[in-house]
Amino acid sequence: MHRRLDVRRSEPMWEEAAFETVETERVAQVFENHQERTVTGQYVALEREVPVGSYRVPMNQRLARLAFHLLEPRSSDGLLTWNVLDEAIKRSTYPIHRTRD
């Protein structure tokens, strides 16, 4: 039996850090129908409530390393690199944040 990779929150949680993008760049050469994206920046500490309905990915599960690798903005093979989050980062900062719970 597998645990779910994500859990939709029914109660508020507190955000501990957000990735603040300094620069984002796409390579000119297309590879497998994608233009790989790289990002530079840093995590900044903050204290704000994450709204009810947001998703949380628990790190105490079998697929935690995979989830972290896919969600980390500086990952060499993550969702940001392969353009999955391009629309989301156009609207705001990196849409995935770290929490303490």
PDB file of N, CA and C in Angstrom:
ATOM      1  N   MET A   1       0.830  -1.175   0.000  1.00  0.00           N
ATOM      2  CA  MET A   1       0.000   0.000   0.000  1.00  0.00           C
ATOM      3  C   MET A   1       0.880   1.246   0.000  1.00  0.00           C
ATOM      4  N   HIS A   2       0.577   2.178  -0.874  1.00  0.00           N
ATOM      5  CA  HIS A   2       1.361   3.405  -0.978  1.00  0.00           C
ATOM      6  C   HIS A   2       0.640   4.555  -0.304  1.00  0.00           C
ATOM      7  N   ARG A   3       1.407   5.405   0.345  1.00  0.00           N
ATOM      8  CA  ARG A   3       0.826   6.628   0.888  1.00  0.00           C
ATOM      9  C   ARG A   3       0.687   7.630  -0.231  1.00  0.00           C
ATOM     10  N   ARG A   4      -0.263   8.506  -0.096  1.00  0.00           N
ATOM     11  CA  ARG A   4      -0.420   9.557  -1.099  1.00  0.00           C
ATOM     12  C   ARG A   4       0.774  10.494  -1.051  1.00  0.00           C
ATOM     13  N   LEU A   5       1.157  10.998  -2.207  1.00  0.00           N
ATOM     14  CA  LEU A   5       2.278  11.919  -2.289  1.00  0.00           C
ATOM     15  C   LEU A   5       1.906  13.293  -1.772  1.00  0.00           C
ATOM     16  N   ASP A   6       0.638  13.672  -1.894  1.00  0.00           N
ATOM     17  CA  ASP A   6       0.224  14.992  -1.424  1.00  0.00           C
ATOM     18  C   ASP A   6      -1.024  14.885  -0.555  1.00  0.00           C
ATOM     19  N   VAL A   7      -1.180  15.851   0.289  1.00  0.00           N
ATOM     20  CA  VAL A   7      -2.312  15.897   1.200  1.00  0.00           C
ATOM     21  C   VAL A   7      -2.917  17.289   1.116  1.00  0.00           C
ATOM     22  N   ARG A   8      -4.187  17.382   0.803  1.00  0.00           N
ATOM     23  CA  ARG A   8      -4.860  18.684   0.748  1.00  0.00           C
ATOM     24  C   ARG A   8      -5.188  19.110   2.176  1.00  0.00           C
ATOM     25  N   ARG A   9      -4.770  20.302   2.533  1.00  0.00           N
ATOM     26  CA  ARG A   9      -4.919  20.782   3.902  1.00  0.00           C
ATOM     27  C   ARG A   9      -6.334  21.247   4.194  1.00  0.00           C
ATOM     28  N   SER A  10      -6.857  20.851   5.362  1.00  0.00           N
ATOM     29  CA  SER A  10      -8.177  21.297   5.782  1.00  0.00           C
ATOM     30  C   SER A  10      -8.070  22.297   6.927  1.00  0.00           C
ATOM     31  N   GLU A  11      -6.856  22.572   7.366  1.00  0.00           N
ATOM     32  CA  GLU A  11      -6.620  23.561   8.411  1.00  0.00           C
ATOM     33  C   GLU A  11      -5.386  24.379   8.042  1.00  0.00           C
ATOM     34  N   PRO A  12      -5.269  25.592   8.551  1.00  0.00           N
ATOM     35  CA  PRO A  12      -4.119  26.427   8.184  1.00  0.00           C
ATOM     36  C   PRO A  12      -2.802  25.831   8.653  1.00  0.00           C
ATOM     37  N   MET A  13      -1.728  26.163   7.963  1.00  0.00           N
ATOM     38  CA  MET A  13      -0.386  25.795   8.400  1.00  0.00           C
ATOM     39  C   MET A  13       0.493  27.030   8.225  1.00  0.00           C
ATOM     40  N   TRP A  14       1.648  27.011   8.829  1.00  0.00           N
ATOM     41  CA  TRP A  14       2.528  28.179   8.771  1.00  0.00           C
ATOM     42  C   TRP A  14       3.702  27.909   7.855  1.00  0.00           C
ATOM     43  N   GLU A  15       3.973  28.865   6.998  1.00  0.00           N
ATOM     44  CA  GLU A  15       5.078  28.773   6.055  1.00  0.00           C
ATOM     45  C   GLU A  15       6.343  29.233   6.746  1.00  0.00           C
ATOM     46  N   GLU A  16       7.417  28.510   6.520  1.00  0.00           N
ATOM     47  CA  GLU A  16       8.670  28.832   7.180  1.00  0.00           C
ATOM     48  C   GLU A  16       9.678  29.468   6.247  1.00  0.00           C
ATOM     49  N   ALA A  17       9.679  29.090   4.981  1.00  0.00           N
ATOM     50  CA  ALA A  17      10.654  29.638   4.037  1.00  0.00           C
ATOM     51  C   ALA A  17      10.081  29.628   2.631  1.00  0.00           C
ATOM     52  N   ALA A  18      10.461  30.627   1.872  1.00  0.00           N
ATOM     53  CA  ALA A  18      10.045  30.715   0.475  1.00  0.00           C
ATOM     54  C   ALA A  18      11.294  30.941  -0.368  1.00  0.00           C
ATOM     55  N   PHE A  19      11.295  30.399  -1.572  1.00  0.00           N
ATOM     56  CA  PHE A  19      12.437  30.576  -2.463  1.00  0.00           C
ATOM     57  C   PHE A  19      12.278  31.899  -3.193  1.00  0.00           C
ATOM     58  N   GLU A  20      13.236  32.775  -3.005  1.00  0.00           N
ATOM     59  CA  GLU A  20      13.218  34.080  -3.654  1.00  0.00           C
ATOM     60  C   GLU A  20      14.129  34.012  -4.881  1.00  0.00           C
ATOM     61  N   THR A  21      13.522  34.127  -6.045  1.00  0.00           N
ATOM     62  CA  THR A  21      14.264  34.018  -7.293  1.00  0.00           C
ATOM     63  C   THR A  21      15.026  35.306  -7.575  1.00  0.00           C
ATOM     64  N   VAL A  22      16.302  35.166  -7.875  1.00  0.00           N
ATOM     65  CA  VAL A  22      17.123  36.306  -8.252  1.00  0.00           C
ATOM     66  C   VAL A  22      17.178  36.400  -9.771  1.00  0.00           C
ATOM     67  N   GLU A  23      17.366  35.254 -10.411  1.00  0.00           N
ATOM     68  CA  GLU A  23      17.472  35.227 -11.866  1.00  0.00           C
ATOM     69  C   GLU A  23      16.984  33.887 -12.388  1.00  0.00           C
ATOM     70  N   THR A  24      16.322  33.905 -13.518  1.00  0.00           N
ATOM     71  CA  THR A  24      15.889  32.674 -14.169  1.00  0.00           C
ATOM     72  C   THR A  24      16.316  32.742 -15.625  1.00  0.00           C
ATOM     73  N   GLU A  25      16.748  31.621 -16.145  1.00  0.00           N
ATOM     74  CA  GLU A  25      17.290  31.592 -17.506  1.00  0.00           C
ATOM     75  C   GLU A  25      16.885  30.296 -18.195  1.00  0.00           C
ATOM     76  N   ARG A  26      16.548  30.398 -19.480  1.00  0.00           N
ATOM     77  CA  ARG A  26      16.239  29.209 -20.288  1.00  0.00           C
ATOM     78  C   ARG A  26      17.354  29.038 -21.310  1.00  0.00           C
ATOM     79  N   VAL A  27      17.767  27.797 -21.519  1.00  0.00           N
ATOM     80  CA  VAL A  27      18.805  27.533 -22.511  1.00  0.00           C
ATOM     81  C   VAL A  27      18.209  27.694 -23.905  1.00  0.00           C
ATOM     82  N   ALA A  28      19.016  28.095 -24.855  1.00  0.00           N
ATOM     83  CA  ALA A  28      18.534  28.341 -26.219  1.00  0.00           C
ATOM     84  C   ALA A  28      18.208  27.046 -26.954  1.00  0.00           C
ATOM     85  N   GLN A  29      18.988  26.023 -26.721  1.00  0.00           N
ATOM     86  CA  GLN A  29      18.813  24.762 -27.439  1.00  0.00           C
ATOM     87  C   GLN A  29      17.655  23.949 -26.860  1.00  0.00           C
ATOM     88  N   VAL A  30      16.785  23.466 -27.719  1.00  0.00           N
ATOM     89  CA  VAL A  30      15.658  22.633 -27.306  1.00  0.00           C
ATOM     90  C   VAL A  30      16.145  21.200 -27.125  1.00  0.00           C
ATOM     91  N   PHE A  31      15.724  20.569 -26.042  1.00  0.00           N
ATOM     92  CA  PHE A  31      16.076  19.188 -25.740  1.00  0.00           C
ATOM     93  C   PHE A  31      14.804  18.463 -25.332  1.00  0.00           C
ATOM     94  N   GLU A  32      14.426  17.434 -26.072  1.00  0.00           N
ATOM     95  CA  GLU A  32      13.208  16.662 -25.830  1.00  0.00           C
ATOM     96  C   GLU A  32      11.977  17.582 -25.722  1.00  0.00           C
ATOM     97  N   ASN A  33      11.882  18.516 -26.646  1.00  0.00           N
ATOM     98  CA  ASN A  33      10.779  19.487 -26.726  1.00  0.00           C
ATOM     99  C   ASN A  33      10.689  20.436 -25.533  1.00  0.00           C
ATOM    100  N   HIS A  34      11.783  20.642 -24.838  1.00  0.00           N
ATOM    101  CA  HIS A  34      11.816  21.568 -23.696  1.00  0.00           C
ATOM    102  C   HIS A  34      13.044  22.453 -23.803  1.00  0.00           C
ATOM    103  N   GLN A  35      12.925  23.631 -23.243  1.00  0.00           N
ATOM    104  CA  GLN A  35      14.079  24.497 -23.059  1.00  0.00           C
ATOM    105  C   GLN A  35      14.358  24.490 -21.568  1.00  0.00           C
ATOM    106  N   GLU A  36      15.404  23.813 -21.194  1.00  0.00           N
ATOM    107  CA  GLU A  36      15.700  23.680 -19.770  1.00  0.00           C
ATOM    108  C   GLU A  36      15.848  25.049 -19.116  1.00  0.00           C
ATOM    109  N   ARG A  37      15.290  25.176 -17.913  1.00  0.00           N
ATOM    110  CA  ARG A  37      15.336  26.422 -17.160  1.00  0.00           C
ATOM    111  C   ARG A  37      16.240  26.241 -15.938  1.00  0.00           C
ATOM    112  N   THR A  38      17.044  27.250 -15.666  1.00  0.00           N
ATOM    113  CA  THR A  38      17.817  27.276 -14.433  1.00  0.00           C
ATOM    114  C   THR A  38      17.397  28.516 -13.651  1.00  0.00           C
ATOM    115  N   VAL A  39      17.565  28.434 -12.367  1.00  0.00           N
ATOM    116  CA  VAL A  39      17.178  29.546 -11.505  1.00  0.00           C
ATOM    117  C   VAL A  39      18.244  29.732 -10.436  1.00  0.00           C
ATOM    118  N   THR A  40      18.506  30.968 -10.114  1.00  0.00           N
ATOM    119  CA  THR A  40      19.379  31.257  -8.981  1.00  0.00           C
ATOM    120  C   THR A  40      18.565  32.054  -7.977  1.00  0.00           C
ATOM    121  N   GLY A  41      18.864  31.855  -6.746  1.00  0.00           N
ATOM    122  CA  GLY A  41      18.136  32.539  -5.690  1.00  0.00           C
ATOM    123  C   GLY A  41      18.469  31.914  -4.361  1.00  0.00           C
ATOM    124  N   GLN A  42      17.633  32.205  -3.378  1.00  0.00           N
ATOM    125  CA  GLN A  42      17.873  31.689  -2.037  1.00  0.00           C
ATOM    126  C   GLN A  42      16.559  31.564  -1.287  1.00  0.00           C
ATOM    127  N   TYR A  43      16.579  30.714  -0.272  1.00  0.00           N
ATOM    128  CA  TYR A  43      15.415  30.614   0.599  1.00  0.00           C
ATOM    129  C   TYR A  43      15.486  31.759   1.607  1.00  0.00           C
ATOM    130  N   VAL A  44      14.357  32.407   1.814  1.00  0.00           N
ATOM    131  CA  VAL A  44      14.281  33.470   2.807  1.00  0.00           C
ATOM    132  C   VAL A  44      13.275  33.050   3.880  1.00  0.00           C
ATOM    133  N   ALA A  45      13.635  33.338   5.114  1.00  0.00           N
ATOM    134  CA  ALA A  45      12.757  32.998   6.233  1.00  0.00           C
ATOM    135  C   ALA A  45      11.579  33.962   6.261  1.00  0.00           C
ATOM    136  N   LEU A  46      10.431  33.433   6.553  1.00  0.00           N
ATOM    137  CA  LEU A  46       9.253  34.267   6.719  1.00  0.00           C
ATOM    138  C   LEU A  46       8.254  33.536   7.577  1.00  0.00           C
ATOM    139  N   GLU A  47       7.269  34.231   8.013  1.00  0.00           N
ATOM    140  CA  GLU A  47       6.232  33.656   8.858  1.00  0.00           C
ATOM    141  C   GLU A  47       4.894  34.123   8.325  1.00  0.00           C
ATOM    142  N   ARG A  48       4.206  33.244   7.606  1.00  0.00           N
ATOM    143  CA  ARG A  48       2.876  33.591   7.124  1.00  0.00           C
ATOM    144  C   ARG A  48       2.042  32.326   7.007  1.00  0.00           C
ATOM    145  N   GLU A  49       0.753  32.523   7.063  1.00  0.00           N
ATOM    146  CA  GLU A  49      -0.171  31.404   7.024  1.00  0.00           C
ATOM    147  C   GLU A  49      -0.390  30.945   5.588  1.00  0.00           C
ATOM    148  N   VAL A  50      -0.342  29.642   5.391  1.00  0.00           N
ATOM    149  CA  VAL A  50      -0.631  29.056   4.093  1.00  0.00           C
ATOM    150  C   VAL A  50      -2.132  28.762   4.079  1.00  0.00           C
ATOM    151  N   PRO A  51      -2.837  29.166   3.032  1.00  0.00           N
ATOM    152  CA  PRO A  51      -4.297  29.022   3.031  1.00  0.00           C
ATOM    153  C   PRO A  51      -4.786  27.576   3.057  1.00  0.00           C
ATOM    154  N   VAL A  52      -5.950  27.404   3.636  1.00  0.00           N
ATOM    155  CA  VAL A  52      -6.632  26.110   3.619  1.00  0.00           C
ATOM    156  C   VAL A  52      -6.849  25.732   2.151  1.00  0.00           C
ATOM    157  N   GLY A  53      -6.684  24.468   1.822  1.00  0.00           N
ATOM    158  CA  GLY A  53      -6.838  24.011   0.447  1.00  0.00           C
ATOM    159  C   GLY A  53      -5.509  23.861  -0.269  1.00  0.00           C
ATOM    160  N   SER A  54      -4.435  24.390   0.320  1.00  0.00           N
ATOM    161  CA  SER A  54      -3.102  24.213  -0.261  1.00  0.00           C
ATOM    162  C   SER A  54      -2.685  22.757  -0.094  1.00  0.00           C
ATOM    163  N   TYR A  55      -1.768  22.312  -0.918  1.00  0.00           N
ATOM    164  CA  TYR A  55      -1.276  20.942  -0.821  1.00  0.00           C
ATOM    165  C   TYR A  55      -0.011  20.898   0.013  1.00  0.00           C
ATOM    166  N   ARG A  56       0.151  19.811   0.755  1.00  0.00           N
ATOM    167  CA  ARG A  56       1.342  19.572   1.560  1.00  0.00           C
ATOM    168  C   ARG A  56       1.911  18.224   1.151  1.00  0.00           C
ATOM    169  N   VAL A  57       3.202  18.167   0.954  1.00  0.00           N
ATOM    170  CA  VAL A  57       3.865  16.907   0.610  1.00  0.00           C
ATOM    171  C   VAL A  57       4.665  16.466   1.832  1.00  0.00           C
ATOM    172  N   PRO A  58       4.193  15.443   2.547  1.00  0.00           N
ATOM    173  CA  PRO A  58       4.912  14.976   3.736  1.00  0.00           C
ATOM    174  C   PRO A  58       6.274  14.382   3.369  1.00  0.00           C
ATOM    175  N   MET A  59       7.259  14.661   4.169  1.00  0.00           N
ATOM    176  CA  MET A  59       8.606  14.146   3.918  1.00  0.00           C
ATOM    177  C   MET A  59       8.887  12.869   4.702  1.00  0.00           C
ATOM    178  N   ASN A  60       7.884  12.335   5.379  1.00  0.00           N
ATOM    179  CA  ASN A  60       8.071  11.072   6.104  1.00  0.00           C
ATOM    180  C   ASN A  60       7.380   9.939   5.348  1.00  0.00           C
ATOM    181  N   GLN A  61       7.686   9.821   4.077  1.00  0.00           N
ATOM    182  CA  GLN A  61       7.096   8.778   3.239  1.00  0.00           C
ATOM    183  C   GLN A  61       8.167   8.184   2.340  1.00  0.00           C
ATOM    184  N   ARG A  62       7.842   7.068   1.755  1.00  0.00           N
ATOM    185  CA  ARG A  62       8.791   6.342   0.910  1.00  0.00           C
ATOM    186  C   ARG A  62       9.295   7.164  -0.265  1.00  0.00           C
ATOM    187  N   LEU A  63       8.456   7.990  -0.853  1.00  0.00           N
ATOM    188  CA  LEU A  63       8.837   8.762  -2.041  1.00  0.00           C
ATOM    189  C   LEU A  63       9.297  10.185  -1.709  1.00  0.00           C
ATOM    190  N   ALA A  64       9.696  10.411  -0.468  1.00  0.00           N
ATOM    191  CA  ALA A  64      10.093  11.758  -0.041  1.00  0.00           C
ATOM    192  C   ALA A  64      11.273  12.295  -0.845  1.00  0.00           C
ATOM    193  N   ARG A  65      12.273  11.482  -1.105  1.00  0.00           N
ATOM    194  CA  ARG A  65      13.440  11.957  -1.865  1.00  0.00           C
ATOM    195  C   ARG A  65      13.062  12.343  -3.290  1.00  0.00           C
ATOM    196  N   LEU A  66      12.188  11.567  -3.902  1.00  0.00           N
ATOM    197  CA  LEU A  66      11.713  11.889  -5.245  1.00  0.00           C
ATOM    198  C   LEU A  66      10.933  13.203  -5.220  1.00  0.00           C
ATOM    199  N   ALA A  67      10.034  13.339  -4.261  1.00  0.00           N
ATOM    200  CA  ALA A  67       9.243  14.574  -4.146  1.00  0.00           C
ATOM    201  C   ALA A  67      10.156  15.776  -3.963  1.00  0.00           C
ATOM    202  N   PHE A  68      11.134  15.665  -3.080  1.00  0.00           N
ATOM    203  CA  PHE A  68      12.058  16.776  -2.842  1.00  0.00           C
ATOM    204  C   PHE A  68      12.814  17.117  -4.122  1.00  0.00           C
ATOM    205  N   HIS A  69      13.305  16.114  -4.820  1.00  0.00           N
ATOM    206  CA  HIS A  69      14.065  16.327  -6.053  1.00  0.00           C
ATOM    207  C   HIS A  69      13.208  17.032  -7.113  1.00  0.00           C
ATOM    208  N   LEU A  70      11.962  16.633  -7.247  1.00  0.00           N
ATOM    209  CA  LEU A  70      11.076  17.244  -8.241  1.00  0.00           C
ATOM    210  C   LEU A  70      10.679  18.669  -7.876  1.00  0.00           C
ATOM    211  N   LEU A  71      10.507  18.959  -6.593  1.00  0.00           N
ATOM    212  CA  LEU A  71       9.991  20.250  -6.146  1.00  0.00           C
ATOM    213  C   LEU A  71      11.060  21.298  -5.867  1.00  0.00           C
ATOM    214  N   GLU A  72      12.273  20.881  -5.612  1.00  0.00           N
ATOM    215  CA  GLU A  72      13.366  21.817  -5.309  1.00  0.00           C
ATOM    216  C   GLU A  72      13.665  22.678  -6.538  1.00  0.00           C
ATOM    217  N   PRO A  73      13.639  24.017  -6.417  1.00  0.00           N
ATOM    218  CA  PRO A  73      13.831  24.882  -7.588  1.00  0.00           C
ATOM    219  C   PRO A  73      15.202  24.757  -8.244  1.00  0.00           C
ATOM    220  N   ARG A  74      16.228  24.406  -7.485  1.00  0.00           N
ATOM    221  CA  ARG A  74      17.583  24.312  -8.063  1.00  0.00           C
ATOM    222  C   ARG A  74      17.949  22.904  -8.500  1.00  0.00           C
ATOM    223  N   SER A  75      16.991  21.994  -8.479  1.00  0.00           N
ATOM    224  CA  SER A  75      17.239  20.618  -8.898  1.00  0.00           C
ATOM    225  C   SER A  75      17.580  20.571 -10.385  1.00  0.00           C
ATOM    226  N   SER A  76      18.519  19.743 -10.742  1.00  0.00           N
ATOM    227  CA  SER A  76      18.939  19.652 -12.148  1.00  0.00           C
ATOM    228  C   SER A  76      17.947  18.887 -13.017  1.00  0.00           C
ATOM    229  N   ASP A  77      16.980  18.222 -12.412  1.00  0.00           N
ATOM    230  CA  ASP A  77      16.020  17.437 -13.179  1.00  0.00           C
ATOM    231  C   ASP A  77      14.612  17.556 -12.598  1.00  0.00           C
ATOM    232  N   GLY A  78      14.309  18.697 -12.004  1.00  0.00           N
ATOM    233  CA  GLY A  78      13.025  18.887 -11.342  1.00  0.00           C
ATOM    234  C   GLY A  78      11.969  19.520 -12.230  1.00  0.00           C
ATOM    235  N   LEU A  79      10.839  19.826 -11.628  1.00  0.00           N
ATOM    236  CA  LEU A  79       9.701  20.391 -12.360  1.00  0.00           C
ATOM    237  C   LEU A  79      10.008  21.758 -12.964  1.00  0.00           C
ATOM    238  N   LEU A  80      10.796  22.565 -12.289  1.00  0.00           N
ATOM    239  CA  LEU A  80      11.152  23.881 -12.826  1.00  0.00           C
ATOM    240  C   LEU A  80      12.069  23.740 -14.041  1.00  0.00           C
ATOM    241  N   THR A  81      13.041  22.863 -13.947  1.00  0.00           N
ATOM    242  CA  THR A  81      13.995  22.648 -15.050  1.00  0.00           C
ATOM    243  C   THR A  81      13.280  22.247 -16.331  1.00  0.00           C
ATOM    244  N   TRP A  82      12.257  21.396 -16.202  1.00  0.00           N
ATOM    245  CA  TRP A  82      11.566  20.855 -17.371  1.00  0.00           C
ATOM    246  C   TRP A  82      10.307  21.631 -17.742  1.00  0.00           C
ATOM    247  N   ASN A  83      10.197  22.880 -17.317  1.00  0.00           N
ATOM    248  CA  ASN A  83       9.153  23.825 -17.745  1.00  0.00           C
ATOM    249  C   ASN A  83       7.754  23.512 -17.237  1.00  0.00           C
ATOM    250  N   VAL A  84       7.619  22.614 -16.295  1.00  0.00           N
ATOM    251  CA  VAL A  84       6.292  22.292 -15.762  1.00  0.00           C
ATOM    252  C   VAL A  84       5.708  23.488 -15.001  1.00  0.00           C
ATOM    253  N   LEU A  85       6.565  24.291 -14.396  1.00  0.00           N
ATOM    254  CA  LEU A  85       6.099  25.409 -13.575  1.00  0.00           C
ATOM    255  C   LEU A  85       6.244  26.768 -14.257  1.00  0.00           C
ATOM    256  N   ASP A  86       6.481  26.798 -15.556  1.00  0.00           N
ATOM    257  CA  ASP A  86       6.691  28.073 -16.254  1.00  0.00           C
ATOM    258  C   ASP A  86       5.537  29.052 -16.074  1.00  0.00           C
ATOM    259  N   GLU A  87       4.319  28.585 -16.232  1.00  0.00           N
ATOM    260  CA  GLU A  87       3.161  29.486 -16.088  1.00  0.00           C
ATOM    261  C   GLU A  87       3.041  30.006 -14.658  1.00  0.00           C
ATOM    262  N   ALA A  88       3.309  29.157 -13.709  1.00  0.00           N
ATOM    263  CA  ALA A  88       3.194  29.560 -12.302  1.00  0.00           C
ATOM    264  C   ALA A  88       4.234  30.610 -11.933  1.00  0.00           C
ATOM    265  N   ILE A  89       5.448  30.493 -12.429  1.00  0.00           N
ATOM    266  CA  ILE A  89       6.456  31.481 -12.055  1.00  0.00           C
ATOM    267  C   ILE A  89       6.294  32.790 -12.821  1.00  0.00           C
ATOM    268  N   LYS A  90       5.534  32.795 -13.903  1.00  0.00           N
ATOM    269  CA  LYS A  90       5.224  34.062 -14.579  1.00  0.00           C
ATOM    270  C   LYS A  90       4.308  34.916 -13.715  1.00  0.00           C
ATOM    271  N   ARG A  91       3.400  34.267 -12.992  1.00  0.00           N
ATOM    272  CA  ARG A  91       2.411  34.986 -12.180  1.00  0.00           C
ATOM    273  C   ARG A  91       2.979  35.469 -10.850  1.00  0.00           C
ATOM    274  N   SER A  92       3.917  34.741 -10.287  1.00  0.00           N
ATOM    275  CA  SER A  92       4.422  35.105  -8.964  1.00  0.00           C
ATOM    276  C   SER A  92       5.803  34.494  -8.757  1.00  0.00           C
ATOM    277  N   THR A  93       6.217  34.430  -7.517  1.00  0.00           N
ATOM    278  CA  THR A  93       7.481  33.790  -7.181  1.00  0.00           C
ATOM    279  C   THR A  93       7.310  32.278  -7.259  1.00  0.00           C
ATOM    280  N   TYR A  94       8.350  31.561  -6.961  1.00  0.00           N
ATOM    281  CA  TYR A  94       8.305  30.099  -7.005  1.00  0.00           C
ATOM    282  C   TYR A  94       7.143  29.605  -6.160  1.00  0.00           C
ATOM    283  N   PRO A  95       6.236  28.822  -6.724  1.00  0.00           N
ATOM    284  CA  PRO A  95       4.966  28.501  -6.051  1.00  0.00           C
ATOM    285  C   PRO A  95       5.039  27.404  -4.990  1.00  0.00           C
ATOM    286  N   ILE A  96       6.215  26.877  -4.724  1.00  0.00           N
ATOM    287  CA  ILE A  96       6.333  25.789  -3.763  1.00  0.00           C
ATOM    288  C   ILE A  96       7.158  26.295  -2.584  1.00  0.00           C
ATOM    289  N   HIS A  97       6.600  26.141  -1.399  1.00  0.00           N
ATOM    290  CA  HIS A  97       7.215  26.701  -0.198  1.00  0.00           C
ATOM    291  C   HIS A  97       7.452  25.622   0.839  1.00  0.00           C
ATOM    292  N   ARG A  98       8.376  25.887   1.726  1.00  0.00           N
ATOM    293  CA  ARG A  98       8.669  24.957   2.830  1.00  0.00           C
ATOM    294  C   ARG A  98       7.893  25.376   4.066  1.00  0.00           C
ATOM    295  N   THR A  99       7.399  24.373   4.768  1.00  0.00           N
ATOM    296  CA  THR A  99       6.691  24.643   6.022  1.00  0.00           C
ATOM    297  C   THR A  99       7.350  23.864   7.156  1.00  0.00           C
ATOM    298  N   ARG A 100       6.985  24.199   8.362  1.00  0.00           N
ATOM    299  CA  ARG A 100       7.575  23.471   9.485  1.00  0.00           C
ATOM    300  C   ARG A 100       6.753  22.277   9.929  1.00  0.00           C
ATOM    301  N   ASP A 101       5.487  22.139   9.442  1.00  0.00           N
ATOM    302  CA  ASP A 101       4.776  20.928   9.810  1.00  0.00           C
ATOM    303  C   ASP A 101       4.787  19.914   8.716  1.00  0.00           C
TER     304      ASP A 101
END
